[in-house]
Protein backbone atom coordinates (compact mmCIF):
# COMPACT_ATOMS: atom_id res chain seq x y z
CA MET A 1 0.25 0.12 -0.14
CA PRO A 2 2.93 2.60 0.34
CA ALA A 3 3.21 2.76 -3.25
CA TYR A 4 -0.45 4.41 -3.14
CA GLY A 5 0.51 6.65 -0.61
CA ILE A 6 -1.34 4.41 2.31
CA GLY A 7 0.13 3.59 5.22
CA LEU A 8 -1.79 1.94 8.44
CA THR A 9 -0.98 1.97 11.94
CA ASP A 10 -2.85 1.08 15.27
CA LEU A 11 -3.47 3.23 18.25
CA ALA A 12 -3.65 0.53 20.32
CA PRO A 13 -1.16 -2.36 19.09
CA GLY A 14 -1.44 -5.88 20.46
CA ILE A 15 -5.21 -5.80 21.52
CA THR A 16 -8.15 -7.06 19.98
CA GLN A 17 -11.71 -6.22 20.54
CA SER A 18 -14.86 -5.79 19.01
CA HIS A 19 -15.09 -2.06 20.65
CA ASP A 20 -12.90 0.95 21.76
CA ARG A 21 -13.71 1.00 25.55
CA ASP A 22 -10.65 0.94 27.85
CA LEU A 23 -8.06 0.66 24.98
CA ARG A 24 -5.00 2.35 25.84
CA TYR A 25 -3.90 4.68 23.17
CA ASN A 26 -0.31 4.95 22.23
CA THR A 27 -0.26 8.71 20.75
CA ALA A 28 3.55 9.35 21.62
CA ALA A 29 4.28 6.41 18.93
CA LEU A 30 1.46 7.74 16.59
CA LEU A 31 3.13 11.45 17.00
CA GLU A 32 6.29 9.49 16.23
CA ALA A 33 5.56 7.67 13.17
CA MET A 34 3.55 10.58 11.72
CA ASN A 35 6.83 12.72 11.96
CA HIS A 36 8.77 10.19 10.48
CA HIS A 37 6.85 9.41 7.43
CA ARG A 38 5.14 12.36 6.90
CA PRO A 39 1.76 11.79 5.68
CA LYS A 40 -0.98 14.28 4.28
CA VAL A 41 -3.56 13.07 6.30
CA LEU A 42 -4.31 11.00 9.32
CA ALA A 43 -7.58 9.23 9.36
CA PHE A 44 -9.09 7.76 12.57
CA THR A 45 -11.70 5.30 11.54
CA SER A 46 -13.61 5.90 14.69
CA ARG A 47 -14.85 8.68 16.93
CA THR A 48 -13.82 7.30 20.06
CA GLY A 49 -9.84 7.08 18.55
CA GLY A 50 -10.12 10.48 17.02
CA ARG A 51 -11.50 11.66 20.65
CA ALA A 52 -8.80 9.80 22.31
CA ALA A 53 -6.19 11.47 20.24
CA ALA A 54 -7.73 15.04 20.40
CA ARG A 55 -7.16 14.84 24.19
CA ALA A 56 -3.84 13.77 24.24
CA PHE A 57 -2.71 16.39 21.41
CA GLY A 58 -4.75 19.16 23.57
CA ALA A 59 -7.32 19.81 20.61
CA ALA A 60 -11.15 20.13 20.89
CA ARG A 61 -13.27 17.42 20.68
CA PRO A 62 -13.73 16.24 17.52
CA ASP A 63 -16.84 15.37 15.34
CA LEU A 64 -16.69 13.25 12.18
CA GLY A 65 -14.86 14.98 9.30
CA PRO A 66 -11.97 17.16 8.69
CA GLN A 67 -10.63 18.62 11.98
CA THR A 68 -8.67 22.20 12.57
CA TRP A 69 -5.79 20.30 14.38
CA THR A 70 -2.68 18.11 13.00
CA VAL A 71 -0.66 15.68 14.35
CA GLY A 72 2.73 16.37 13.34
CA PRO A 73 2.40 17.47 9.75
CA ALA A 74 -0.89 15.15 9.01
CA ALA A 75 -4.29 16.84 8.54
CA VAL A 76 -6.71 15.05 10.56
CA TRP A 77 -10.18 13.46 9.75
CA VAL A 78 -12.28 11.56 11.83
CA LEU A 79 -14.11 9.07 9.99
CA PRO A 80 -16.98 6.68 10.93
CA SER A 81 -16.29 3.42 11.89
CA SER A 82 -16.91 1.14 8.86
CA SER A 83 -18.28 -1.63 11.33
CA CYS A 84 -21.71 -2.98 10.93
CA ALA A 85 -22.03 -2.89 14.81
CA ASN A 86 -21.80 1.53 14.12
CA ASN A 87 -25.46 1.58 13.24
CA ALA A 88 -25.69 5.17 15.03
CA VAL A 89 -24.52 6.80 12.03
CA PRO A 90 -26.54 5.52 8.87
CA TYR A 91 -24.66 4.24 5.94
CA SER A 92 -25.39 7.26 3.50
CA GLU A 93 -23.74 9.59 5.96
CA LYS A 94 -20.97 7.15 6.73
CA LEU A 95 -20.68 7.27 2.61
CA ALA A 96 -20.53 10.81 2.35
CA ILE A 97 -17.93 11.36 4.80
CA TRP A 98 -15.58 8.82 3.26
CA GLN A 99 -16.35 10.25 0.29
CA GLN A 100 -15.54 13.51 1.16
CA ARG A 101 -12.26 12.38 2.48
CA ALA A 102 -11.18 10.71 -0.79
CA ASN A 103 -12.14 13.81 -2.79
CA TYR A 104 -9.90 15.71 -0.63
CA LEU A 105 -7.11 13.54 -1.18
CA GLY A 106 -7.73 13.77 -5.41
CA GLY A 107 -9.70 10.46 -5.45
């Protein structure tokens, strides 16, 4: 995926569970990775993960979509979870936010 300019990381490495409650996020490692790899965009694929990062970096509590803060050089987006278990956000709204992010990246 790096050939396409895409990388993946995990805020809570080594944890396998179907929800975000009580996770210990490694935001220091995330900041280090962003400064090392220097991506244009960092997208959180859950509101909970985005909110945890916002708290760690002293940013306002985010909602879905583009944010006004960065992590290192990366613009931040908070995307709705793509999990079928996340039914709090209608599919049409999830799709619109993911498409907005793709358009931002020129996709």
